[in-house]
Amino acid sequence: MNKGLAGCLVVGGVLLLILIVGALFMTGLYNRLVAQDQQVQGAWAQVQNVLQRRADLIPNLVETVKGYAAHEKEVFEAVAEARSRLAGATSPAEAAAANAGLTSALGRLIAIAENYPNLKANENFIRLQDELAGTENRIAVERMRYNDAVRLFNTSIKRFPTRMFAAMFGFKEREYFEAGAEAQQVPKVKF
């Protein structure tokens, strides 16, 4: 075998090895991004799940309070409107804004209940209030998990060398579930 042919085979072998290593690197990178993207999607689904749980509890709570406070129509309407906004939210930002509005409306509803001693002692109301409190805690936990998954994913697609390939694979930065400005305000209760 002559030196020229041997040199070509060595160069060809090295190039083939580089291509194989590069392909393995790209496959591993892609699979990691897919796994993180799926984690974000799963976390968001869980946020939606607990938000839906709360939305499902609200009609029972409203009906229980309505029996005692029939003249508080504005509060009931505000709760219903906030609940439907949450159900129609299509992004984390919309869900966060709707969630803040619902939290405010529920605060007013609970405040009304405080003015009706018989209602406060009602077993259904107490159970619903406890379930709602538990659901609020679940929402906080699931929002935190979702935001952690988003942070991990967003950090991954911004780091070098992943950044160079993330856009090529179609991965884009995900949106955090953040509380809106209205969540910073204490609900105003008027009688």
Protein backbone atom coordinates (compact mmCIF):
# COMPACT_ATOMS: atom_id res chain seq x y z
CA MET A 1 0.00 0.00 0.00
CA ASN A 2 1.40 3.38 -0.85
CA LYS A 3 1.75 6.32 1.54
CA GLY A 4 -0.80 8.48 -0.27
CA LEU A 5 -3.54 5.91 0.04
CA ALA A 6 -2.72 5.20 3.68
CA GLY A 7 -2.82 8.95 4.42
CA CYS A 8 -6.22 9.27 2.74
CA LEU A 9 -7.56 6.35 4.76
CA VAL A 10 -6.31 7.90 8.01
CA VAL A 11 -7.81 11.30 7.14
CA GLY A 12 -11.05 9.62 6.07
CA GLY A 13 -11.16 7.59 9.29
CA VAL A 14 -10.57 10.71 11.41
CA LEU A 15 -13.30 12.60 9.52
CA LEU A 16 -15.69 9.67 9.96
CA LEU A 17 -14.90 9.55 13.68
CA ILE A 18 -15.52 13.31 13.96
CA LEU A 19 -18.85 12.92 12.16
CA ILE A 20 -19.91 10.05 14.43
CA VAL A 21 -18.92 11.96 17.59
CA GLY A 22 -20.73 15.06 16.28
CA ALA A 23 -23.86 13.06 15.48
CA LEU A 24 -23.82 11.48 18.94
CA PHE A 25 -23.36 14.92 20.52
CA MET A 26 -26.26 16.39 18.52
CA THR A 27 -28.49 13.41 19.34
CA GLY A 28 -27.75 13.71 23.05
CA LEU A 29 -28.33 17.47 22.97
CA TYR A 30 -31.63 17.09 21.11
CA ASN A 31 -32.85 14.33 23.44
CA ARG A 32 -32.02 16.41 26.51
CA LEU A 33 -33.94 19.39 25.13
CA VAL A 34 -36.91 17.18 24.26
CA ALA A 35 -36.94 15.76 27.80
CA GLN A 36 -36.79 19.24 29.34
CA ASP A 37 -39.49 20.52 27.00
CA GLN A 38 -41.71 17.61 27.99
CA GLN A 39 -41.04 18.38 31.65
CA VAL A 40 -42.20 21.97 31.08
CA GLN A 41 -45.34 20.75 29.29
CA GLY A 42 -46.09 18.26 32.06
CA ALA A 43 -45.60 20.89 34.74
CA TRP A 44 -47.92 23.28 32.89
CA ALA A 45 -50.55 20.55 32.60
CA GLN A 46 -50.35 20.07 36.36
CA VAL A 47 -50.77 23.82 36.94
CA GLN A 48 -53.87 23.72 34.73
CA ASN A 49 -55.09 20.69 36.65
CA VAL A 50 -55.00 22.41 40.05
CA LEU A 51 -56.42 25.63 38.62
CA GLN A 52 -59.30 23.58 37.21
CA ARG A 53 -59.78 21.90 40.59
CA ARG A 54 -60.19 25.29 42.19
CA ALA A 55 -62.53 26.43 39.42
CA ASP A 56 -64.61 23.29 39.97
CA LEU A 57 -64.91 23.98 43.71
CA ILE A 58 -66.04 27.56 43.26
CA PRO A 59 -69.64 26.96 42.07
CA ASN A 60 -70.33 24.87 45.19
CA LEU A 61 -68.82 27.53 47.42
CA VAL A 62 -70.80 30.27 45.68
CA GLU A 63 -74.07 28.33 45.96
CA THR A 64 -73.47 27.70 49.64
CA VAL A 65 -72.81 31.38 50.30
CA LYS A 66 -75.70 32.49 48.06
CA GLY A 67 -78.18 30.84 50.38
CA TYR A 68 -77.07 33.12 53.19
CA ALA A 69 -76.16 36.28 51.32
CA ALA A 70 -78.59 36.61 48.44
CA HIS A 71 -78.09 40.39 48.20
CA GLU A 72 -74.35 40.13 47.41
CA LYS A 73 -74.96 39.78 43.65
CA GLU A 74 -71.90 41.80 42.55
CA VAL A 75 -69.50 39.48 44.34
CA PHE A 76 -71.09 36.37 42.84
CA GLU A 77 -70.90 37.90 39.38
CA ALA A 78 -67.24 38.87 39.91
CA VAL A 79 -66.40 35.31 40.97
CA ALA A 80 -68.22 33.83 37.95
CA GLU A 81 -66.55 36.25 35.54
CA ALA A 82 -63.08 35.64 37.01
CA ARG A 83 -63.64 31.88 36.86
CA SER A 84 -64.59 32.00 33.17
CA ARG A 85 -61.53 34.17 32.39
CA LEU A 86 -59.35 31.53 34.05
CA ALA A 87 -61.04 28.75 32.08
CA GLY A 88 -60.38 30.65 28.83
CA ALA A 89 -56.72 31.43 29.55
CA THR A 90 -54.42 30.10 26.84
CA SER A 91 -50.98 31.11 28.12
CA PRO A 92 -49.21 31.29 31.48
CA ALA A 93 -49.49 35.11 31.42
CA GLU A 94 -53.25 35.00 30.80
CA ALA A 95 -53.67 32.30 33.44
CA ALA A 96 -51.67 34.33 35.95
CA ALA A 97 -53.80 37.44 35.35
CA ALA A 98 -57.04 35.45 35.54
CA ASN A 99 -55.80 33.65 38.64
CA ALA A 100 -55.08 36.98 40.35
CA GLY A 101 -58.59 38.21 39.53
CA LEU A 102 -60.13 35.00 40.84
CA THR A 103 -58.08 35.20 44.04
CA SER A 104 -59.34 38.75 44.58
CA ALA A 105 -62.97 37.77 43.95
CA LEU A 106 -62.67 34.75 46.26
CA GLY A 107 -61.22 37.00 48.95
CA ARG A 108 -64.33 39.16 48.75
CA LEU A 109 -66.55 36.06 48.84
CA ILE A 110 -64.82 34.72 51.95
CA ALA A 111 -65.07 38.16 53.57
CA ILE A 112 -68.83 38.13 52.98
CA ALA A 113 -69.03 34.71 54.58
CA GLU A 114 -67.33 36.07 57.70
CA ASN A 115 -70.33 38.38 58.22
CA TYR A 116 -72.78 35.47 58.39
CA PRO A 117 -72.26 33.45 61.59
CA ASN A 118 -74.66 30.68 60.50
CA LEU A 119 -72.74 30.28 57.26
CA LYS A 120 -69.40 30.16 59.05
CA ALA A 121 -70.76 27.25 61.09
CA ASN A 122 -72.25 25.47 58.06
CA GLU A 123 -70.52 22.11 57.56
CA ASN A 124 -70.59 22.33 53.75
CA PHE A 125 -69.07 25.79 53.82
CA ILE A 126 -66.31 24.75 56.21
CA ARG A 127 -65.48 21.70 54.08
CA LEU A 128 -65.46 23.74 50.87
CA GLN A 129 -63.33 26.43 52.49
CA ASP A 130 -60.82 23.79 53.64
CA GLU A 131 -60.72 22.20 50.17
CA LEU A 132 -60.20 25.61 48.61
CA ALA A 133 -57.36 26.40 51.03
CA GLY A 134 -55.72 23.06 50.20
CA THR A 135 -56.13 23.75 46.50
CA GLU A 136 -54.53 27.18 46.89
CA ASN A 137 -51.49 25.47 48.41
CA ARG A 138 -51.39 22.98 45.52
CA ILE A 139 -51.53 25.84 43.04
CA ALA A 140 -48.54 27.51 44.69
CA VAL A 141 -46.55 24.25 44.63
CA GLU A 142 -47.40 23.46 41.00
CA ARG A 143 -46.62 27.02 39.88
CA MET A 144 -43.24 26.70 41.55
CA ARG A 145 -42.59 23.33 39.85
CA TYR A 146 -43.64 24.72 36.48
CA ASN A 147 -41.41 27.78 36.87
CA ASP A 148 -38.49 25.55 37.93
CA ALA A 149 -38.96 23.42 34.79
CA VAL A 150 -39.14 26.57 32.64
CA ARG A 151 -36.00 27.97 34.29
CA LEU A 152 -34.07 24.75 33.61
CA PHE A 153 -35.26 24.58 30.00
CA ASN A 154 -34.65 28.29 29.29
CA THR A 155 -31.19 28.09 30.85
CA SER A 156 -30.35 25.05 28.72
CA ILE A 157 -31.33 26.66 25.42
CA LYS A 158 -29.36 29.82 26.25
CA ARG A 159 -26.10 28.08 27.16
CA PHE A 160 -23.29 27.51 24.74
CA PRO A 161 -23.12 25.30 22.65
CA THR A 162 -26.81 24.35 23.00
CA ARG A 163 -27.83 27.86 21.99
CA MET A 164 -26.42 27.28 18.51
CA PHE A 165 -28.60 24.23 17.96
CA ALA A 166 -31.77 24.96 19.97
CA ALA A 167 -33.23 27.31 17.36
CA MET A 168 -32.30 24.88 14.61
CA PHE A 169 -34.28 22.17 16.43
CA GLY A 170 -37.23 24.59 16.93
CA PHE A 171 -36.89 25.06 20.70
CA LYS A 172 -37.92 28.50 21.96
CA GLU A 173 -37.84 30.13 25.37
CA ARG A 174 -40.87 29.29 27.52
CA GLU A 175 -42.99 31.73 29.48
CA TYR A 176 -42.99 31.81 33.29
CA PHE A 177 -46.22 31.76 35.30
CA GLU A 178 -45.91 35.09 37.07
CA ALA A 179 -48.38 36.87 39.28
CA GLY A 180 -49.65 40.09 37.76
CA ALA A 181 -49.61 43.49 39.39
CA GLU A 182 -53.19 42.96 40.62
CA ALA A 183 -51.96 40.07 42.78
CA GLN A 184 -49.97 42.56 44.84
CA GLN A 185 -53.12 44.38 45.92
CA VAL A 186 -55.23 43.34 48.87
CA PRO A 187 -58.82 42.62 47.79
CA LYS A 188 -61.24 45.46 48.56
CA VAL A 189 -64.42 44.35 50.24
CA LYS A 190 -67.50 46.61 50.13
CA PHE A 191 -70.79 45.97 51.89
